[in-house]
Amino acid sequence: MSGQSRLQQQGSMAVTAIILIAVLGTAGIVLSRMYQSSKTAESENTAGDRAFNLAEAGAQSVLAQLKASNCDPTLLAGKAMNGNDVVITQTISGQGVFSVTFHPTGAPNTWSVSSVATGSRRITNFPSLSCGSSAGCSYAVVGRNNNNLSVGNNTEVNSHSVSSCGGGTCNVLDASGARQSASVSLTALPTYVASTLADGNKSGGPLGAGNYHDITIGNNGTLTFNTSEGAYYMNNLTLGNNVTVNMAPGTYHAARIQFGNNNNLVVTPSGVVKIFVNIQADIGNNANLNHGGNVANLGFYSYGSFQVGNNAHISGVVYAPGSATQVQLGNNTELTGSVISGGQVAIGNNTEITYDSAASAAVTALGISCGGGGGGGGTITHGTWGEQF
């Protein structure tokens, strides 16, 4: 082989080697970059999964707290307000910090909820979350928001002594006698319908459904309303002392009710009596109001003032949602049922309140809600999970 040929061959081999080195180098760089990219993606996915899991765990933690707090997110730890939204920021030990935001939907006790780990773009969503039911109340006594209940000495709820407030304002009593602060939303009563007075004044009975002016019964008398499932309208219902009034199931509408002492209200035959009082109910001492009867059979709905004297026995529910209403129970009262008011509430000394499962069910059956869920403290209903980047 000539010298020139050998040089050409060596040159060709050198070029090939250079090309091969270049190709291998480029491939190495590409593979290295692919590997680094893969590791970065894996790291990002791991971090994303961790953030997603933390957000989910955070949401579940807050939802459990929500149920235990009578479905009121403003009572949860780590709360801040952002307009109408409630933002809860907390830490899960060993995992990190998360924030859960409650967005009101306009429906009672219902929100859309989002949860995110701090510093993460991954968000878990509940499109709809409801807590509690549309009717019911987990509290034995409810008064005006941001206003202390007036509770006398030696008062008990379900045989538990009423606790002190412990600072701030306490507007509710729960079934264990604990005073608490709660933001309670009450449904307004329907517009009061007054009597047309067409059936005039009455001083005896029995009386059928109708539109009366004043109904007045003297001492030691008896008054019977005998139209079952009827609608009674009256201006004033006035009873003397030692009077028994028999009420058939139905609705009763009175501008004012005035009872003397030692009166008995009996629901007969069995059924639900709803009494709507527009201005004032003033019931004297030693009253027996559905005493020993089914607690769900008697509901008082007050637009104004509702007052019961000392030594009363009541089986029923008092509902007065207006902020200007006043409800007062005298000393030594025995109440099986509940008082739910948006106004001032005063409970006398030595009062015994029984708010058990039957009483809680009665509140629900009477269509009354305090925005706090049922007697069990509320039920969480989840929507579907989503994720946003």
Protein backbone atom coordinates (compact mmCIF):
# COMPACT_ATOMS: atom_id res chain seq x y z
CA MET A 1 0.00 0.00 0.00
CA SER A 2 1.38 3.37 -0.94
CA GLY A 3 2.16 5.97 1.67
CA GLN A 4 -0.62 8.18 0.38
CA SER A 5 -3.18 5.38 0.72
CA ARG A 6 -2.06 4.64 4.25
CA LEU A 7 -2.44 8.28 5.19
CA GLN A 8 -5.93 8.42 3.67
CA GLN A 9 -6.94 5.27 5.56
CA GLN A 10 -5.57 6.58 8.85
CA GLY A 11 -7.31 9.90 8.28
CA SER A 12 -10.60 8.15 7.58
CA MET A 13 -10.24 6.07 10.75
CA ALA A 14 -9.48 9.18 12.77
CA VAL A 15 -12.55 10.95 11.42
CA THR A 16 -14.66 7.89 12.18
CA ALA A 17 -13.29 7.78 15.72
CA ILE A 18 -13.98 11.45 16.21
CA ILE A 19 -17.54 11.03 14.92
CA LEU A 20 -18.05 8.00 17.15
CA ILE A 21 -16.74 9.86 20.18
CA ALA A 22 -19.02 12.78 19.35
CA VAL A 23 -22.03 10.52 18.92
CA LEU A 24 -21.33 8.67 22.14
CA GLY A 25 -20.73 11.93 23.96
CA THR A 26 -23.99 13.38 22.68
CA ALA A 27 -25.85 10.20 23.57
CA GLY A 28 -24.31 10.30 27.02
CA ILE A 29 -25.41 13.86 27.51
CA VAL A 30 -28.90 13.02 26.27
CA LEU A 31 -29.11 9.97 28.49
CA SER A 32 -27.78 11.94 31.44
CA ARG A 33 -30.32 14.67 30.86
CA MET A 34 -33.10 12.10 30.42
CA TYR A 35 -32.05 10.47 33.67
CA GLN A 36 -31.94 13.80 35.50
CA SER A 37 -35.30 14.75 34.01
CA SER A 38 -36.73 11.42 35.09
CA LYS A 39 -35.39 11.89 38.61
CA THR A 40 -36.77 15.43 38.69
CA ALA A 41 -40.19 14.25 37.49
CA GLU A 42 -40.11 11.45 40.03
CA SER A 43 -39.18 13.92 42.75
CA GLU A 44 -41.92 16.32 41.65
CA ASN A 45 -44.47 13.52 41.53
CA THR A 46 -43.40 12.33 44.97
CA ALA A 47 -43.62 15.86 46.33
CA GLY A 48 -46.94 16.33 44.57
CA ASP A 49 -48.31 13.10 45.96
CA ARG A 50 -47.08 14.09 49.40
CA ALA A 51 -48.76 17.50 49.07
CA PHE A 52 -51.95 15.89 47.77
CA ASN A 53 -51.96 13.37 50.61
CA LEU A 54 -51.33 16.09 53.18
CA ALA A 55 -54.14 18.21 51.73
CA GLU A 56 -56.48 15.22 51.86
CA ALA A 57 -55.41 14.31 55.40
CA GLY A 58 -55.83 17.94 56.41
CA ALA A 59 -59.32 18.11 54.98
CA GLN A 60 -60.32 14.90 56.72
CA SER A 61 -58.89 16.18 60.02
CA VAL A 62 -60.79 19.46 59.78
CA LEU A 63 -64.01 17.73 58.76
CA ALA A 64 -63.81 15.51 61.84
CA GLN A 65 -63.31 18.62 63.97
CA LEU A 66 -66.25 20.28 62.20
CA LYS A 67 -68.57 17.45 63.18
CA ALA A 68 -67.38 17.67 66.79
CA SER A 69 -67.93 21.45 66.78
CA ASN A 70 -71.62 21.34 65.90
CA CYS A 71 -70.98 22.10 62.24
CA ASP A 72 -69.65 25.60 62.87
CA PRO A 73 -66.28 26.21 61.14
CA THR A 74 -65.82 29.52 62.98
CA LEU A 75 -65.27 27.51 66.18
CA LEU A 76 -62.28 25.57 64.81
CA ALA A 77 -58.67 26.20 65.82
CA GLY A 78 -56.51 28.18 63.41
CA LYS A 79 -59.46 30.13 62.02
CA ALA A 80 -59.13 33.27 59.90
CA MET A 81 -61.79 35.06 57.86
CA ASN A 82 -61.30 35.96 54.19
CA GLY A 83 -64.47 37.83 53.32
CA ASN A 84 -67.24 35.29 53.86
CA ASP A 85 -64.81 32.38 53.61
CA VAL A 86 -63.52 30.64 56.73
CA VAL A 87 -59.87 29.55 56.39
CA ILE A 88 -58.49 26.97 58.83
CA THR A 89 -54.68 26.60 58.99
CA GLN A 90 -53.29 23.75 61.06
CA THR A 91 -50.31 21.37 61.27
CA ILE A 92 -50.32 17.60 61.04
CA SER A 93 -47.44 16.34 63.15
CA GLY A 94 -44.57 15.00 61.06
CA GLN A 95 -46.21 15.93 57.75
CA GLY A 96 -46.60 19.66 57.39
CA VAL A 97 -48.96 22.61 57.34
CA PHE A 98 -52.24 22.68 55.45
CA SER A 99 -55.08 25.15 54.93
CA VAL A 100 -58.76 24.30 54.48
CA THR A 101 -61.13 26.94 53.11
CA PHE A 102 -64.91 26.84 53.58
CA HIS A 103 -66.85 28.70 50.87
CA PRO A 104 -70.53 29.32 51.79
CA THR A 105 -72.99 28.06 49.18
CA GLY A 106 -76.05 29.87 50.52
CA ALA A 107 -77.68 26.65 51.78
CA PRO A 108 -77.74 26.05 55.55
CA ASN A 109 -74.64 24.21 56.85
CA THR A 110 -73.34 23.60 53.33
CA TRP A 111 -70.04 24.69 51.81
CA SER A 112 -67.68 23.98 48.97
CA VAL A 113 -64.34 23.13 50.54
CA SER A 114 -60.75 23.26 49.27
CA SER A 115 -57.62 22.02 51.02
CA VAL A 116 -53.99 22.72 50.13
CA ALA A 117 -50.60 21.98 51.67
CA THR A 118 -48.60 25.14 52.34
CA GLY A 119 -46.39 25.96 49.35
CA SER A 120 -48.10 23.45 47.07
CA ARG A 121 -50.11 24.04 43.91
CA ARG A 122 -52.06 20.84 44.40
CA ILE A 123 -55.53 21.40 45.82
CA THR A 124 -58.11 18.85 46.86
CA ASN A 125 -61.73 19.89 46.54
CA PHE A 126 -65.11 18.99 47.95
CA PRO A 127 -67.59 20.54 45.48
CA SER A 128 -70.28 20.15 48.13
CA LEU A 129 -70.07 19.36 51.81
CA SER A 130 -72.98 19.46 54.24
CA CYS A 131 -72.89 19.07 57.98
CA GLY A 132 -75.93 18.23 60.07
CA SER A 133 -79.48 18.16 58.77
CA SER A 134 -81.94 20.79 57.62
CA ALA A 135 -83.79 20.48 60.93
CA GLY A 136 -82.68 19.65 64.43
CA CYS A 137 -80.45 21.07 67.11
CA SER A 138 -77.69 19.65 69.26
CA TYR A 139 -78.27 22.22 72.02
CA ALA A 140 -80.76 22.07 74.87
CA VAL A 141 -80.96 25.86 75.14
CA VAL A 142 -80.04 28.50 72.57
CA GLY A 143 -79.94 32.26 73.02
CA ARG A 144 -78.85 35.28 71.03
CA ASN A 145 -75.43 35.12 69.36
CA ASN A 146 -72.69 36.98 71.24
CA ASN A 147 -74.93 37.33 74.28
CA ASN A 148 -74.71 35.41 77.54
CA LEU A 149 -77.54 33.15 78.64
CA SER A 150 -78.97 33.97 82.05
CA VAL A 151 -78.99 30.68 83.97
CA GLY A 152 -80.00 30.47 87.63
CA ASN A 153 -78.31 28.57 90.42
CA ASN A 154 -78.51 24.78 90.68
CA THR A 155 -79.81 24.38 87.14
CA GLU A 156 -79.12 21.01 85.50
CA VAL A 157 -79.31 19.56 82.01
CA ASN A 158 -79.80 15.79 81.91
CA SER A 159 -78.75 15.69 85.58
CA HIS A 160 -75.47 17.52 84.77
CA SER A 161 -74.80 20.78 86.58
CA VAL A 162 -74.50 23.73 84.23
CA SER A 163 -70.86 24.71 83.84
CA SER A 164 -69.43 28.21 83.98
CA CYS A 165 -68.83 30.03 80.73
CA GLY A 166 -65.06 30.13 81.02
CA GLY A 167 -64.65 33.52 79.40
CA GLY A 168 -66.24 35.31 76.50
CA THR A 169 -69.95 35.02 75.84
CA CYS A 170 -71.81 31.71 76.08
CA ASN A 171 -75.15 31.62 74.31
CA VAL A 172 -75.93 27.88 74.31
CA LEU A 173 -76.23 24.94 76.70
CA ASP A 174 -75.45 21.51 75.33
CA ALA A 175 -76.88 18.19 76.46
CA SER A 176 -74.17 17.81 79.11
CA GLY A 177 -74.87 21.20 80.69
CA ALA A 178 -71.79 22.84 79.19
CA ARG A 179 -72.08 26.52 78.37
CA GLN A 180 -70.63 27.25 74.96
CA SER A 181 -70.32 30.00 72.41
CA ALA A 182 -71.86 29.17 69.06
CA SER A 183 -72.84 31.11 65.98
CA VAL A 184 -76.43 29.93 65.55
CA SER A 185 -78.56 30.55 62.48
CA LEU A 186 -82.31 30.28 63.07
CA THR A 187 -85.05 30.10 60.48
CA ALA A 188 -87.55 32.94 60.74
CA LEU A 189 -91.16 32.18 61.58
CA PRO A 190 -93.78 32.62 58.87
CA THR A 191 -95.64 35.92 58.80
CA TYR A 192 -98.13 35.97 61.66
CA VAL A 193 -101.76 35.63 60.57
CA ALA A 194 -104.21 37.53 62.78
CA SER A 195 -107.79 36.54 63.52
CA THR A 196 -110.53 38.10 61.42
CA LEU A 197 -112.57 38.25 64.69
CA ALA A 198 -115.58 36.92 62.75
CA ASP A 199 -116.66 34.47 65.48
CA GLY A 200 -116.69 37.07 68.27
CA ASN A 201 -115.97 36.68 71.98
CA LYS A 202 -116.33 33.38 73.83
CA SER A 203 -116.40 32.50 77.52
CA GLY A 204 -116.92 28.76 77.31
CA GLY A 205 -116.73 25.78 75.01
CA PRO A 206 -116.35 23.44 73.35
CA LEU A 207 -115.02 25.50 70.48
CA GLY A 208 -114.50 24.47 66.88
CA ALA A 209 -111.93 25.90 64.52
CA GLY A 210 -112.59 29.54 63.74
CA ASN A 211 -111.64 33.21 64.00
CA TYR A 212 -112.37 34.49 67.50
CA HIS A 213 -111.99 37.84 69.19
CA ASP A 214 -111.31 37.22 72.89
CA ILE A 215 -111.67 33.84 74.60
CA THR A 216 -111.93 34.20 78.38
CA ILE A 217 -112.36 31.42 80.95
CA GLY A 218 -112.82 32.20 84.66
CA ASN A 219 -111.38 30.40 87.67
CA ASN A 220 -111.88 26.64 88.00
CA GLY A 221 -113.20 26.36 84.46
CA THR A 222 -112.56 24.04 81.53
CA LEU A 223 -112.05 24.98 77.90
CA THR A 224 -112.02 22.45 75.08
CA PHE A 225 -110.91 23.04 71.51
CA ASN A 226 -112.36 20.03 69.72
CA THR A 227 -111.56 20.29 66.00
CA SER A 228 -108.69 17.93 65.27
CA GLU A 229 -106.21 19.29 62.74
CA GLY A 230 -108.12 22.56 62.79
CA ALA A 231 -106.82 26.12 62.61
CA TYR A 232 -107.80 28.42 65.48
CA TYR A 233 -107.29 32.19 65.40
CA MET A 234 -107.96 34.51 68.33
CA ASN A 235 -107.00 37.94 69.56
CA ASN A 236 -106.60 37.13 73.27
CA LEU A 237 -106.75 33.85 75.17
CA THR A 238 -107.21 34.54 78.88
CA LEU A 239 -107.54 31.87 81.56
CA GLY A 240 -108.14 32.38 85.28
CA ASN A 241 -106.72 30.14 88.01
CA ASN A 242 -107.16 26.36 88.18
CA VAL A 243 -108.28 26.07 84.57
CA THR A 244 -107.86 23.04 82.32
CA VAL A 245 -107.62 23.69 78.60
CA ASN A 246 -107.93 20.69 76.27
CA MET A 247 -106.36 21.25 72.88
CA ALA A 248 -107.01 19.03 69.89
CA PRO A 249 -104.11 18.60 67.45
CA GLY A 250 -103.88 21.59 65.14
CA THR A 251 -102.55 25.14 64.92
CA TYR A 252 -103.47 27.95 67.30
CA HIS A 253 -102.75 31.62 66.63
CA ALA A 254 -103.11 34.22 69.40
CA ALA A 255 -101.92 37.79 69.68
CA ARG A 256 -101.71 37.37 73.47
CA ILE A 257 -102.00 34.50 75.94
CA GLN A 258 -102.61 35.14 79.64
CA PHE A 259 -102.79 32.16 82.02
CA GLY A 260 -103.40 32.42 85.76
CA ASN A 261 -101.91 30.02 88.30
CA ASN A 262 -102.33 26.24 88.55
CA ASN A 263 -103.47 25.75 84.96
CA ASN A 264 -103.25 22.58 82.89
CA LEU A 265 -102.78 22.39 79.13
CA VAL A 266 -103.65 18.91 77.84
CA VAL A 267 -103.16 17.68 74.27
CA THR A 268 -106.14 15.46 73.51
CA PRO A 269 -106.54 13.36 71.46
CA SER A 270 -102.88 12.61 70.86
CA GLY A 271 -101.26 14.62 68.10
CA VAL A 272 -99.24 17.77 67.48
CA VAL A 273 -100.34 21.15 68.84
CA LYS A 274 -98.53 24.22 67.50
CA ILE A 275 -99.23 27.52 69.27
CA PHE A 276 -98.14 30.76 67.58
CA VAL A 277 -98.06 33.79 69.89
CA ASN A 278 -97.56 37.14 68.23
CA ILE A 279 -96.98 39.59 71.08
CA GLN A 280 -96.89 38.02 74.52
CA ALA A 281 -97.46 34.79 76.40
CA ASP A 282 -97.63 35.18 80.18
CA ILE A 283 -98.21 31.87 81.95
CA GLY A 284 -98.54 31.88 85.74
CA ASN A 285 -97.09 29.69 88.47
CA ASN A 286 -97.57 25.93 88.79
CA ALA A 287 -98.46 25.44 85.13
CA ASN A 288 -98.62 21.96 83.66
CA LEU A 289 -98.08 22.25 79.91
CA ASN A 290 -98.44 18.83 78.28
CA HIS A 291 -96.97 17.45 81.50
CA GLY A 292 -96.09 13.78 81.02
CA GLY A 293 -97.07 13.94 77.34
CA ASN A 294 -95.03 13.30 74.22
CA VAL A 295 -92.53 16.14 73.93
CA ALA A 296 -93.08 16.28 70.16
CA ASN A 297 -96.78 17.04 70.69
CA LEU A 298 -96.35 20.65 71.85
CA GLY A 299 -94.54 23.51 70.19
CA PHE A 300 -94.73 27.17 71.21
CA TYR A 301 -93.68 29.60 68.47
CA SER A 302 -93.13 33.10 69.84
CA TYR A 303 -92.77 36.31 67.86
CA GLY A 304 -92.35 38.41 71.01
CA SER A 305 -92.25 37.67 74.75
CA PHE A 306 -92.76 34.21 76.28
CA GLN A 307 -92.78 33.94 80.08
CA VAL A 308 -93.60 31.04 82.39
CA GLY A 309 -93.81 31.41 86.19
CA ASN A 310 -92.35 29.24 88.93
CA ASN A 311 -92.83 25.50 89.46
CA ALA A 312 -93.87 24.74 85.89
CA HIS A 313 -93.85 21.31 84.27
CA ILE A 314 -93.39 21.56 80.51
CA SER A 315 -93.08 18.85 77.87
CA GLY A 316 -92.48 20.60 74.58
CA VAL A 317 -90.32 23.03 72.65
CA VAL A 318 -90.22 26.83 72.71
CA TYR A 319 -89.01 28.44 69.49
CA ALA A 320 -88.50 32.22 69.30
CA PRO A 321 -86.03 32.98 66.48
CA GLY A 322 -86.36 36.77 66.41
CA SER A 323 -83.48 38.83 67.80
CA ALA A 324 -85.90 40.98 69.83
CA THR A 325 -87.69 38.05 71.48
CA GLN A 326 -87.53 37.25 75.18
CA VAL A 327 -88.00 33.85 76.81
CA GLN A 328 -88.08 33.42 80.57
CA LEU A 329 -88.63 30.29 82.66
CA GLY A 330 -89.21 30.76 86.40
CA ASN A 331 -87.63 28.96 89.32
CA ASN A 332 -88.05 25.23 89.91
CA THR A 333 -89.11 24.55 86.32
CA GLU A 334 -89.02 21.03 84.92
CA LEU A 335 -88.62 21.18 81.15
CA THR A 336 -88.54 18.12 78.94
CA GLY A 337 -87.66 19.65 75.61
CA SER A 338 -85.79 22.71 74.48
CA VAL A 339 -85.73 26.50 74.34
CA ILE A 340 -84.34 27.86 71.07
CA SER A 341 -84.28 31.63 70.73
CA GLY A 342 -82.56 34.30 68.71
CA GLY A 343 -83.14 36.76 71.57
CA GLN A 344 -82.70 36.92 75.31
CA VAL A 345 -83.17 33.77 77.38
CA ALA A 346 -83.40 33.61 81.18
CA ILE A 347 -83.61 30.30 83.08
CA GLY A 348 -84.57 30.43 86.77
CA ASN A 349 -82.99 28.72 89.76
CA ASN A 350 -83.27 24.97 90.38
CA THR A 351 -84.43 24.25 86.84
CA GLU A 352 -84.26 20.70 85.52
CA ILE A 353 -83.92 20.36 81.74
CA THR A 354 -84.18 16.98 80.03
CA TYR A 355 -82.84 17.05 76.51
CA ASP A 356 -82.53 13.42 75.49
CA SER A 357 -82.87 11.64 72.15
CA ALA A 358 -86.66 11.97 72.28
CA ALA A 359 -86.43 15.71 72.88
CA SER A 360 -83.88 16.10 70.10
CA ALA A 361 -86.13 14.10 67.77
CA ALA A 362 -89.04 16.34 68.78
CA VAL A 363 -87.13 19.44 67.69
CA THR A 364 -86.54 17.82 64.32
CA ALA A 365 -90.14 16.61 64.04
CA LEU A 366 -91.43 20.11 64.75
CA GLY A 367 -89.32 21.40 61.85
CA ILE A 368 -87.07 23.50 64.07
CA SER A 369 -83.39 24.01 63.33
CA CYS A 370 -80.60 25.84 65.14
CA GLY A 371 -78.05 25.29 62.39
CA GLY A 372 -76.13 22.92 64.58
CA GLY A 373 -77.00 19.61 63.11
CA GLY A 374 -78.88 16.81 64.78
CA GLY A 375 -78.49 15.57 68.30
CA GLY A 376 -75.44 13.56 67.34
CA GLY A 377 -73.50 16.69 66.41
CA GLY A 378 -73.90 16.54 62.65
CA THR A 379 -73.15 14.28 59.72
CA ILE A 380 -70.56 14.94 57.06
CA THR A 381 -71.67 14.24 53.49
CA HIS A 382 -68.82 14.36 50.97
CA GLY A 383 -68.89 15.39 47.36
CA THR A 384 -66.33 14.14 44.85
CA TRP A 385 -62.61 14.87 45.09
CA GLY A 386 -60.88 16.97 42.47
CA GLU A 387 -57.40 18.36 41.87
CA GLN A 388 -56.14 21.64 40.42
CA PHE A 389 -52.63 22.74 39.47
